[in-house]
Amino acid sequence: QLKMRENKHWGDAEMRQLVEVLPLCAEATLLDITASFQEVTAEGVGVLTRCVDEGKLPAKLKKIGWAYGPSLVRNNADGSKELCAACERRGISLML
């Protein structure tokens, strides 16, 4: 399990860094970023969406927990619909 919770000041740069290392976490089944990435924009959400869509997440990863995330994700706006769709296509449960 990868747990990076309560990192409220993370934004797009940190999302790009996270996406770079995720493929190395081959045994991960859960990515828990609850209450993190409060400063992410649609760009950062797009980075994660592309990672999911391109199959770059660990093969065993089945859940992403992003409860209490940024309002643009909670309100299903600015790219979060695409993230939800990408997760659904890959069989990943996205918990918002």
PDB file of N, CA and C in Angstrom:
ATOM      1  N   GLN A   1       0.834  -1.176   0.000  1.00  0.00           N
ATOM      2  CA  GLN A   1       0.000   0.000   0.000  1.00  0.00           C
ATOM      3  C   GLN A   1       0.878   1.238   0.000  1.00  0.00           C
ATOM      4  N   LEU A   2       0.504   2.185  -0.793  1.00  0.00           N
ATOM      5  CA  LEU A   2       1.187   3.477  -0.827  1.00  0.00           C
ATOM      6  C   LEU A   2       0.261   4.494  -0.181  1.00  0.00           C
ATOM      7  N   LYS A   3       0.692   5.049   0.928  1.00  0.00           N
ATOM      8  CA  LYS A   3      -0.140   6.022   1.637  1.00  0.00           C
ATOM      9  C   LYS A   3       0.617   7.338   1.733  1.00  0.00           C
ATOM     10  N   MET A   4       0.054   8.353   1.121  1.00  0.00           N
ATOM     11  CA  MET A   4       0.615   9.705   1.149  1.00  0.00           C
ATOM     12  C   MET A   4      -0.533  10.646   1.472  1.00  0.00           C
ATOM     13  N   ARG A   5      -0.912  10.675   2.701  1.00  0.00           N
ATOM     14  CA  ARG A   5      -2.102  11.401   3.137  1.00  0.00           C
ATOM     15  C   ARG A   5      -1.735  12.742   3.752  1.00  0.00           C
ATOM     16  N   GLU A   6      -2.712  13.656   3.675  1.00  0.00           N
ATOM     17  CA  GLU A   6      -2.620  14.950   4.356  1.00  0.00           C
ATOM     18  C   GLU A   6      -1.494  15.845   3.822  1.00  0.00           C
ATOM     19  N   ASN A   7      -1.150  15.689   2.566  1.00  0.00           N
ATOM     20  CA  ASN A   7      -0.151  16.557   1.941  1.00  0.00           C
ATOM     21  C   ASN A   7      -0.896  17.634   1.149  1.00  0.00           C
ATOM     22  N   LYS A   8      -1.487  18.539   1.872  1.00  0.00           N
ATOM     23  CA  LYS A   8      -2.410  19.517   1.296  1.00  0.00           C
ATOM     24  C   LYS A   8      -1.766  20.473   0.304  1.00  0.00           C
ATOM     25  N   HIS A   9      -0.490  20.739   0.425  1.00  0.00           N
ATOM     26  CA  HIS A   9       0.145  21.725  -0.438  1.00  0.00           C
ATOM     27  C   HIS A   9       0.778  21.119  -1.682  1.00  0.00           C
ATOM     28  N   TRP A  10       0.567  19.849  -1.911  1.00  0.00           N
ATOM     29  CA  TRP A  10       1.067  19.240  -3.133  1.00  0.00           C
ATOM     30  C   TRP A  10       0.235  19.711  -4.315  1.00  0.00           C
ATOM     31  N   GLY A  11       0.900  19.845  -5.451  1.00  0.00           N
ATOM     32  CA  GLY A  11       0.223  20.303  -6.664  1.00  0.00           C
ATOM     33  C   GLY A  11       0.683  19.523  -7.879  1.00  0.00           C
ATOM     34  N   ASP A  12       0.726  20.201  -9.008  1.00  0.00           N
ATOM     35  CA  ASP A  12       1.050  19.559 -10.283  1.00  0.00           C
ATOM     36  C   ASP A  12       2.456  18.967 -10.314  1.00  0.00           C
ATOM     37  N   ALA A  13       3.437  19.679  -9.775  1.00  0.00           N
ATOM     38  CA  ALA A  13       4.821  19.184  -9.793  1.00  0.00           C
ATOM     39  C   ALA A  13       4.932  17.878  -9.005  1.00  0.00           C
ATOM     40  N   GLU A  14       4.277  17.816  -7.867  1.00  0.00           N
ATOM     41  CA  GLU A  14       4.332  16.604  -7.056  1.00  0.00           C
ATOM     42  C   GLU A  14       3.581  15.453  -7.733  1.00  0.00           C
ATOM     43  N   MET A  15       2.503  15.782  -8.455  1.00  0.00           N
ATOM     44  CA  MET A  15       1.778  14.737  -9.186  1.00  0.00           C
ATOM     45  C   MET A  15       2.666  14.160 -10.291  1.00  0.00           C
ATOM     46  N   ARG A  16       3.404  15.020 -10.980  1.00  0.00           N
ATOM     47  CA  ARG A  16       4.325  14.518 -12.015  1.00  0.00           C
ATOM     48  C   ARG A  16       5.383  13.603 -11.392  1.00  0.00           C
ATOM     49  N   GLN A  17       5.886  13.961 -10.230  1.00  0.00           N
ATOM     50  CA  GLN A  17       6.889  13.131  -9.554  1.00  0.00           C
ATOM     51  C   GLN A  17       6.290  11.799  -9.114  1.00  0.00           C
ATOM     52  N   LEU A  18       5.084  11.834  -8.585  1.00  0.00           N
ATOM     53  CA  LEU A  18       4.422  10.605  -8.159  1.00  0.00           C
ATOM     54  C   LEU A  18       4.225   9.659  -9.338  1.00  0.00           C
ATOM     55  N   VAL A  19       3.756  10.192 -10.447  1.00  0.00           N
ATOM     56  CA  VAL A  19       3.498   9.374 -11.631  1.00  0.00           C
ATOM     57  C   VAL A  19       4.792   8.740 -12.162  1.00  0.00           C
ATOM     58  N   GLU A  20       5.912   9.414 -11.970  1.00  0.00           N
ATOM     59  CA  GLU A  20       7.196   8.853 -12.412  1.00  0.00           C
ATOM     60  C   GLU A  20       7.587   7.618 -11.609  1.00  0.00           C
ATOM     61  N   VAL A  21       7.291   7.595 -10.311  1.00  0.00           N
ATOM     62  CA  VAL A  21       7.727   6.479  -9.473  1.00  0.00           C
ATOM     63  C   VAL A  21       6.679   5.369  -9.341  1.00  0.00           C
ATOM     64  N   LEU A  22       5.431   5.652  -9.632  1.00  0.00           N
ATOM     65  CA  LEU A  22       4.388   4.634  -9.468  1.00  0.00           C
ATOM     66  C   LEU A  22       4.689   3.322 -10.195  1.00  0.00           C
ATOM     67  N   PRO A  23       5.193   3.349 -11.424  1.00  0.00           N
ATOM     68  CA  PRO A  23       5.467   2.079 -12.103  1.00  0.00           C
ATOM     69  C   PRO A  23       6.489   1.197 -11.375  1.00  0.00           C
ATOM     70  N   LEU A  24       7.301   1.793 -10.525  1.00  0.00           N
ATOM     71  CA  LEU A  24       8.309   1.037  -9.791  1.00  0.00           C
ATOM     72  C   LEU A  24       7.725   0.281  -8.598  1.00  0.00           C
ATOM     73  N   CYS A  25       6.506   0.591  -8.240  1.00  0.00           N
ATOM     74  CA  CYS A  25       5.854   0.009  -7.057  1.00  0.00           C
ATOM     75  C   CYS A  25       5.011  -1.198  -7.478  1.00  0.00           C
ATOM     76  N   ALA A  26       5.670  -2.221  -7.988  1.00  0.00           N
ATOM     77  CA  ALA A  26       5.013  -3.353  -8.641  1.00  0.00           C
ATOM     78  C   ALA A  26       4.013  -4.097  -7.760  1.00  0.00           C
ATOM     79  N   GLU A  27       4.211  -4.112  -6.456  1.00  0.00           N
ATOM     80  CA  GLU A  27       3.331  -4.877  -5.569  1.00  0.00           C
ATOM     81  C   GLU A  27       2.184  -4.059  -4.989  1.00  0.00           C
ATOM     82  N   ALA A  28       2.128  -2.777  -5.304  1.00  0.00           N
ATOM     83  CA  ALA A  28       1.100  -1.910  -4.719  1.00  0.00           C
ATOM     84  C   ALA A  28      -0.294  -2.293  -5.206  1.00  0.00           C
ATOM     85  N   THR A  29      -1.220  -2.389  -4.256  1.00  0.00           N
ATOM     86  CA  THR A  29      -2.620  -2.651  -4.582  1.00  0.00           C
ATOM     87  C   THR A  29      -3.498  -1.438  -4.292  1.00  0.00           C
ATOM     88  N   LEU A  30      -2.969  -0.500  -3.497  1.00  0.00           N
ATOM     89  CA  LEU A  30      -3.716   0.689  -3.089  1.00  0.00           C
ATOM     90  C   LEU A  30      -2.809   1.907  -3.143  1.00  0.00           C
ATOM     91  N   LEU A  31      -3.321   2.977  -3.728  1.00  0.00           N
ATOM     92  CA  LEU A  31      -2.687   4.290  -3.669  1.00  0.00           C
ATOM     93  C   LEU A  31      -3.635   5.182  -2.882  1.00  0.00           C
ATOM     94  N   ASP A  32      -3.220   5.580  -1.703  1.00  0.00           N
ATOM     95  CA  ASP A  32      -4.065   6.398  -0.828  1.00  0.00           C
ATOM     96  C   ASP A  32      -3.478   7.801  -0.745  1.00  0.00           C
ATOM     97  N   ILE A  33      -4.121   8.733  -1.443  1.00  0.00           N
ATOM     98  CA  ILE A  33      -3.690  10.134  -1.439  1.00  0.00           C
ATOM     99  C   ILE A  33      -4.780  11.013  -0.827  1.00  0.00           C
ATOM    100  N   THR A  34      -5.473  10.437   0.159  1.00  0.00           N
ATOM    101  CA  THR A  34      -6.556  11.134   0.845  1.00  0.00           C
ATOM    102  C   THR A  34      -6.082  12.473   1.398  1.00  0.00           C
ATOM    103  N   ALA A  35      -6.879  13.494   1.174  1.00  0.00           N
ATOM    104  CA  ALA A  35      -6.625  14.845   1.684  1.00  0.00           C
ATOM    105  C   ALA A  35      -5.281  15.401   1.199  1.00  0.00           C
ATOM    106  N   SER A  36      -4.846  14.976   0.051  1.00  0.00           N
ATOM    107  CA  SER A  36      -3.596  15.468  -0.529  1.00  0.00           C
ATOM    108  C   SER A  36      -3.858  16.142  -1.875  1.00  0.00           C
ATOM    109  N   PHE A  37      -2.844  16.786  -2.389  1.00  0.00           N
ATOM    110  CA  PHE A  37      -2.885  17.437  -3.706  1.00  0.00           C
ATOM    111  C   PHE A  37      -3.973  18.512  -3.773  1.00  0.00           C
ATOM    112  N   GLN A  38      -4.125  19.283  -2.719  1.00  0.00           N
ATOM    113  CA  GLN A  38      -5.125  20.347  -2.701  1.00  0.00           C
ATOM    114  C   GLN A  38      -4.808  21.450  -3.712  1.00  0.00           C
ATOM    115  N   GLU A  39      -3.550  21.561  -4.133  1.00  0.00           N
ATOM    116  CA  GLU A  39      -3.163  22.614  -5.071  1.00  0.00           C
ATOM    117  C   GLU A  39      -3.027  22.111  -6.497  1.00  0.00           C
ATOM    118  N   VAL A  40      -3.452  20.874  -6.747  1.00  0.00           N
ATOM    119  CA  VAL A  40      -3.373  20.338  -8.101  1.00  0.00           C
ATOM    120  C   VAL A  40      -4.390  21.047  -8.994  1.00  0.00           C
ATOM    121  N   THR A  41      -4.029  21.200 -10.252  1.00  0.00           N
ATOM    122  CA  THR A  41      -4.933  21.802 -11.242  1.00  0.00           C
ATOM    123  C   THR A  41      -5.358  20.718 -12.224  1.00  0.00           C
ATOM    124  N   ALA A  42      -6.128  21.113 -13.223  1.00  0.00           N
ATOM    125  CA  ALA A  42      -6.543  20.167 -14.256  1.00  0.00           C
ATOM    126  C   ALA A  42      -5.331  19.534 -14.930  1.00  0.00           C
ATOM    127  N   GLU A  43      -4.224  20.260 -14.998  1.00  0.00           N
ATOM    128  CA  GLU A  43      -2.995  19.708 -15.580  1.00  0.00           C
ATOM    129  C   GLU A  43      -2.518  18.493 -14.787  1.00  0.00           C
ATOM    130  N   GLY A  44      -2.459  18.617 -13.480  1.00  0.00           N
ATOM    131  CA  GLY A  44      -2.011  17.519 -12.635  1.00  0.00           C
ATOM    132  C   GLY A  44      -2.950  16.328 -12.674  1.00  0.00           C
ATOM    133  N   VAL A  45      -4.250  16.597 -12.705  1.00  0.00           N
ATOM    134  CA  VAL A  45      -5.225  15.519 -12.819  1.00  0.00           C
ATOM    135  C   VAL A  45      -5.034  14.813 -14.164  1.00  0.00           C
ATOM    136  N   GLY A  46      -4.734  15.595 -15.201  1.00  0.00           N
ATOM    137  CA  GLY A  46      -4.481  15.027 -16.520  1.00  0.00           C
ATOM    138  C   GLY A  46      -3.261  14.127 -16.540  1.00  0.00           C
ATOM    139  N   VAL A  47      -2.233  14.484 -15.789  1.00  0.00           N
ATOM    140  CA  VAL A  47      -1.026  13.657 -15.688  1.00  0.00           C
ATOM    141  C   VAL A  47      -1.386  12.287 -15.107  1.00  0.00           C
ATOM    142  N   LEU A  48      -2.167  12.281 -14.041  1.00  0.00           N
ATOM    143  CA  LEU A  48      -2.583  11.016 -13.429  1.00  0.00           C
ATOM    144  C   LEU A  48      -3.495  10.240 -14.382  1.00  0.00           C
ATOM    145  N   THR A  49      -4.391  10.935 -15.052  1.00  0.00           N
ATOM    146  CA  THR A  49      -5.297  10.283 -16.001  1.00  0.00           C
ATOM    147  C   THR A  49      -4.525   9.589 -17.110  1.00  0.00           C
ATOM    148  N   ARG A  50      -3.529  10.258 -17.671  1.00  0.00           N
ATOM    149  CA  ARG A  50      -2.717   9.643 -18.730  1.00  0.00           C
ATOM    150  C   ARG A  50      -1.970   8.422 -18.209  1.00  0.00           C
ATOM    151  N   CYS A  51      -1.474   8.504 -16.997  1.00  0.00           N
ATOM    152  CA  CYS A  51      -0.772   7.375 -16.374  1.00  0.00           C
ATOM    153  C   CYS A  51      -1.712   6.166 -16.283  1.00  0.00           C
ATOM    154  N   VAL A  52      -2.929   6.397 -15.848  1.00  0.00           N
ATOM    155  CA  VAL A  52      -3.921   5.327 -15.748  1.00  0.00           C
ATOM    156  C   VAL A  52      -4.250   4.800 -17.138  1.00  0.00           C
ATOM    157  N   ASP A  53      -4.584   5.698 -18.052  1.00  0.00           N
ATOM    158  CA  ASP A  53      -4.994   5.313 -19.410  1.00  0.00           C
ATOM    159  C   ASP A  53      -3.917   4.530 -20.148  1.00  0.00           C
ATOM    160  N   GLU A  54      -2.675   4.902 -19.937  1.00  0.00           N
ATOM    161  CA  GLU A  54      -1.566   4.260 -20.648  1.00  0.00           C
ATOM    162  C   GLU A  54      -1.089   2.985 -19.961  1.00  0.00           C
ATOM    163  N   GLY A  55      -1.756   2.587 -18.880  1.00  0.00           N
ATOM    164  CA  GLY A  55      -1.402   1.355 -18.190  1.00  0.00           C
ATOM    165  C   GLY A  55      -0.079   1.419 -17.454  1.00  0.00           C
ATOM    166  N   LYS A  56       0.294   2.602 -16.996  1.00  0.00           N
ATOM    167  CA  LYS A  56       1.578   2.774 -16.315  1.00  0.00           C
ATOM    168  C   LYS A  56       1.510   2.584 -14.802  1.00  0.00           C
ATOM    169  N   LEU A  57       0.327   2.334 -14.289  1.00  0.00           N
ATOM    170  CA  LEU A  57       0.206   2.051 -12.860  1.00  0.00           C
ATOM    171  C   LEU A  57       0.651   0.619 -12.605  1.00  0.00           C
ATOM    172  N   PRO A  58       1.015   0.308 -11.377  1.00  0.00           N
ATOM    173  CA  PRO A  58       1.355  -1.084 -11.072  1.00  0.00           C
ATOM    174  C   PRO A  58       0.200  -2.015 -11.463  1.00  0.00           C
ATOM    175  N   ALA A  59       0.522  -3.164 -12.015  1.00  0.00           N
ATOM    176  CA  ALA A  59      -0.498  -4.095 -12.506  1.00  0.00           C
ATOM    177  C   ALA A  59      -1.458  -4.541 -11.401  1.00  0.00           C
ATOM    178  N   LYS A  60      -0.983  -4.603 -10.167  1.00  0.00           N
ATOM    179  CA  LYS A  60      -1.809  -5.068  -9.053  1.00  0.00           C
ATOM    180  C   LYS A  60      -2.634  -3.956  -8.411  1.00  0.00           C
ATOM    181  N   LEU A  61      -2.415  -2.716  -8.807  1.00  0.00           N
ATOM    182  CA  LEU A  61      -3.124  -1.595  -8.181  1.00  0.00           C
ATOM    183  C   LEU A  61      -4.600  -1.630  -8.570  1.00  0.00           C
ATOM    184  N   LYS A  62      -5.455  -1.704  -7.571  1.00  0.00           N
ATOM    185  CA  LYS A  62      -6.894  -1.810  -7.814  1.00  0.00           C
ATOM    186  C   LYS A  62      -7.703  -0.689  -7.184  1.00  0.00           C
ATOM    187  N   LYS A  63      -7.072   0.133  -6.319  1.00  0.00           N
ATOM    188  CA  LYS A  63      -7.812   1.210  -5.660  1.00  0.00           C
ATOM    189  C   LYS A  63      -6.951   2.460  -5.556  1.00  0.00           C
ATOM    190  N   ILE A  64      -7.589   3.587  -5.819  1.00  0.00           N
ATOM    191  CA  ILE A  64      -6.991   4.893  -5.567  1.00  0.00           C
ATOM    192  C   ILE A  64      -7.953   5.620  -4.630  1.00  0.00           C
ATOM    193  N   GLY A  65      -7.474   5.978  -3.463  1.00  0.00           N
ATOM    194  CA  GLY A  65      -8.286   6.720  -2.501  1.00  0.00           C
ATOM    195  C   GLY A  65      -7.906   8.186  -2.532  1.00  0.00           C
ATOM    196  N   TRP A  66      -8.842   9.031  -2.956  1.00  0.00           N
ATOM    197  CA  TRP A  66      -8.570  10.468  -3.032  1.00  0.00           C
ATOM    198  C   TRP A  66      -9.697  11.254  -2.358  1.00  0.00           C
ATOM    199  N   ALA A  67     -10.201  10.716  -1.257  1.00  0.00           N
ATOM    200  CA  ALA A  67     -11.234  11.425  -0.503  1.00  0.00           C
ATOM    201  C   ALA A  67     -10.652  12.729   0.024  1.00  0.00           C
ATOM    202  N   TYR A  68     -11.490  13.716   0.137  1.00  0.00           N
ATOM    203  CA  TYR A  68     -11.092  15.044   0.620  1.00  0.00           C
ATOM    204  C   TYR A  68      -9.986  15.644  -0.254  1.00  0.00           C
ATOM    205  N   GLY A  69     -10.041  15.312  -1.532  1.00  0.00           N
ATOM    206  CA  GLY A  69      -9.086  15.881  -2.477  1.00  0.00           C
ATOM    207  C   GLY A  69      -9.494  17.299  -2.844  1.00  0.00           C
ATOM    208  N   PRO A  70      -8.860  17.851  -3.872  1.00  0.00           N
ATOM    209  CA  PRO A  70      -9.168  19.220  -4.274  1.00  0.00           C
ATOM    210  C   PRO A  70     -10.598  19.338  -4.783  1.00  0.00           C
ATOM    211  N   SER A  71     -11.162  20.514  -4.686  1.00  0.00           N
ATOM    212  CA  SER A  71     -12.559  20.710  -5.070  1.00  0.00           C
ATOM    213  C   SER A  71     -12.797  20.343  -6.530  1.00  0.00           C
ATOM    214  N   LEU A  72     -11.830  20.556  -7.409  1.00  0.00           N
ATOM    215  CA  LEU A  72     -12.063  20.238  -8.813  1.00  0.00           C
ATOM    216  C   LEU A  72     -12.259  18.739  -9.011  1.00  0.00           C
ATOM    217  N   VAL A  73     -11.692  17.920  -8.144  1.00  0.00           N
ATOM    218  CA  VAL A  73     -11.912  16.481  -8.222  1.00  0.00           C
ATOM    219  C   VAL A  73     -13.228  16.119  -7.535  1.00  0.00           C
ATOM    220  N   ARG A  74     -13.459  16.670  -6.363  1.00  0.00           N
ATOM    221  CA  ARG A  74     -14.693  16.370  -5.628  1.00  0.00           C
ATOM    222  C   ARG A  74     -15.920  16.796  -6.420  1.00  0.00           C
ATOM    223  N   ASN A  75     -15.824  17.876  -7.158  1.00  0.00           N
ATOM    224  CA  ASN A  75     -16.967  18.412  -7.898  1.00  0.00           C
ATOM    225  C   ASN A  75     -17.071  17.846  -9.309  1.00  0.00           C
ATOM    226  N   ASN A  76     -16.226  16.845  -9.616  1.00  0.00           N
ATOM    227  CA  ASN A  76     -16.279  16.163 -10.901  1.00  0.00           C
ATOM    228  C   ASN A  76     -16.097  17.139 -12.062  1.00  0.00           C
ATOM    229  N   ALA A  77     -15.120  18.023 -11.927  1.00  0.00           N
ATOM    230  CA  ALA A  77     -14.874  19.041 -12.946  1.00  0.00           C
ATOM    231  C   ALA A  77     -13.416  18.995 -13.395  1.00  0.00           C
ATOM    232  N   ASP A  78     -13.107  19.772 -14.420  1.00  0.00           N
ATOM    233  CA  ASP A  78     -11.730  19.976 -14.875  1.00  0.00           C
ATOM    234  C   ASP A  78     -10.914  18.698 -15.010  1.00  0.00           C
ATOM    235  N   GLY A  79     -11.418  17.753 -15.745  1.00  0.00           N
ATOM    236  CA  GLY A  79     -10.652  16.558 -16.021  1.00  0.00           C
ATOM    237  C   GLY A  79     -10.927  15.388 -15.113  1.00  0.00           C
ATOM    238  N   SER A  80     -11.630  15.609 -14.009  1.00  0.00           N
ATOM    239  CA  SER A  80     -11.853  14.482 -13.108  1.00  0.00           C
ATOM    240  C   SER A  80     -12.796  13.450 -13.714  1.00  0.00           C
ATOM    241  N   LYS A  81     -13.682  13.866 -14.615  1.00  0.00           N
ATOM    242  CA  LYS A  81     -14.546  12.899 -15.301  1.00  0.00           C
ATOM    243  C   LYS A  81     -13.695  11.938 -16.124  1.00  0.00           C
ATOM    244  N   GLU A  82     -12.670  12.486 -16.769  1.00  0.00           N
ATOM    245  CA  GLU A  82     -11.773  11.649 -17.564  1.00  0.00           C
ATOM    246  C   GLU A  82     -10.993  10.683 -16.674  1.00  0.00           C
ATOM    247  N   LEU A  83     -10.573  11.145 -15.495  1.00  0.00           N
ATOM    248  CA  LEU A  83      -9.867  10.280 -14.557  1.00  0.00           C
ATOM    249  C   LEU A  83     -10.775   9.138 -14.119  1.00  0.00           C
ATOM    250  N   CYS A  84     -12.002   9.444 -13.781  1.00  0.00           N
ATOM    251  CA  CYS A  84     -12.959   8.408 -13.374  1.00  0.00           C
ATOM    252  C   CYS A  84     -13.160   7.387 -14.491  1.00  0.00           C
ATOM    253  N   ALA A  85     -13.296   7.871 -15.722  1.00  0.00           N
ATOM    254  CA  ALA A  85     -13.499   6.970 -16.862  1.00  0.00           C
ATOM    255  C   ALA A  85     -12.269   6.098 -17.104  1.00  0.00           C
ATOM    256  N   ALA A  86     -11.079   6.680 -16.993  1.00  0.00           N
ATOM    257  CA  ALA A  86      -9.844   5.924 -17.193  1.00  0.00           C
ATOM    258  C   ALA A  86      -9.724   4.820 -16.145  1.00  0.00           C
ATOM    259  N   CYS A  87     -10.031   5.153 -14.899  1.00  0.00           N
ATOM    260  CA  CYS A  87      -9.971   4.150 -13.828  1.00  0.00           C
ATOM    261  C   CYS A  87     -10.969   3.026 -14.094  1.00  0.00           C
ATOM    262  N   GLU A  88     -12.156   3.393 -14.514  1.00  0.00           N
ATOM    263  CA  GLU A  88     -13.172   2.377 -14.799  1.00  0.00           C
ATOM    264  C   GLU A  88     -12.709   1.447 -15.917  1.00  0.00           C
ATOM    265  N   ARG A  89     -12.114   2.006 -16.962  1.00  0.00           N
ATOM    266  CA  ARG A  89     -11.622   1.187 -18.079  1.00  0.00           C
ATOM    267  C   ARG A  89     -10.539   0.210 -17.629  1.00  0.00           C
ATOM    268  N   ARG A  90      -9.741   0.601 -16.649  1.00  0.00           N
ATOM    269  CA  ARG A  90      -8.633  -0.232 -16.169  1.00  0.00           C
ATOM    270  C   ARG A  90      -8.999  -1.103 -14.966  1.00  0.00           C
ATOM    271  N   GLY A  91     -10.259  -1.016 -14.530  1.00  0.00           N
ATOM    272  CA  GLY A  91     -10.698  -1.837 -13.399  1.00  0.00           C
ATOM    273  C   GLY A  91     -10.150  -1.356 -12.066  1.00  0.00           C
ATOM    274  N   ILE A  92      -9.937  -0.054 -11.965  1.00  0.00           N
ATOM    275  CA  ILE A  92      -9.425   0.544 -10.738  1.00  0.00           C
ATOM    276  C   ILE A  92     -10.552   1.307 -10.057  1.00  0.00           C
ATOM    277  N   SER A  93     -10.745   1.033  -8.782  1.00  0.00           N
ATOM    278  CA  SER A  93     -11.762   1.728  -8.006  1.00  0.00           C
ATOM    279  C   SER A  93     -11.184   3.079  -7.567  1.00  0.00           C
ATOM    280  N   LEU A  94     -11.845   4.162  -7.959  1.00  0.00           N
ATOM    281  CA  LEU A  94     -11.443   5.509  -7.561  1.00  0.00           C
ATOM    282  C   LEU A  94     -12.400   5.981  -6.488  1.00  0.00           C
ATOM    283  N   MET A  95     -11.899   6.116  -5.270  1.00  0.00           N
ATOM    284  CA  MET A  95     -12.727   6.501  -4.129  1.00  0.00           C
ATOM    285  C   MET A  95     -12.535   7.985  -3.862  1.00  0.00           C
ATOM    286  N   LEU A  96     -13.530   8.785  -4.239  1.00  0.00           N
ATOM    287  CA  LEU A  96     -13.461  10.232  -4.055  1.00  0.00           C
ATOM    288  C   LEU A  96     -14.274  10.655  -2.845  1.00  0.00           C
TER     289      LEU A  96
END
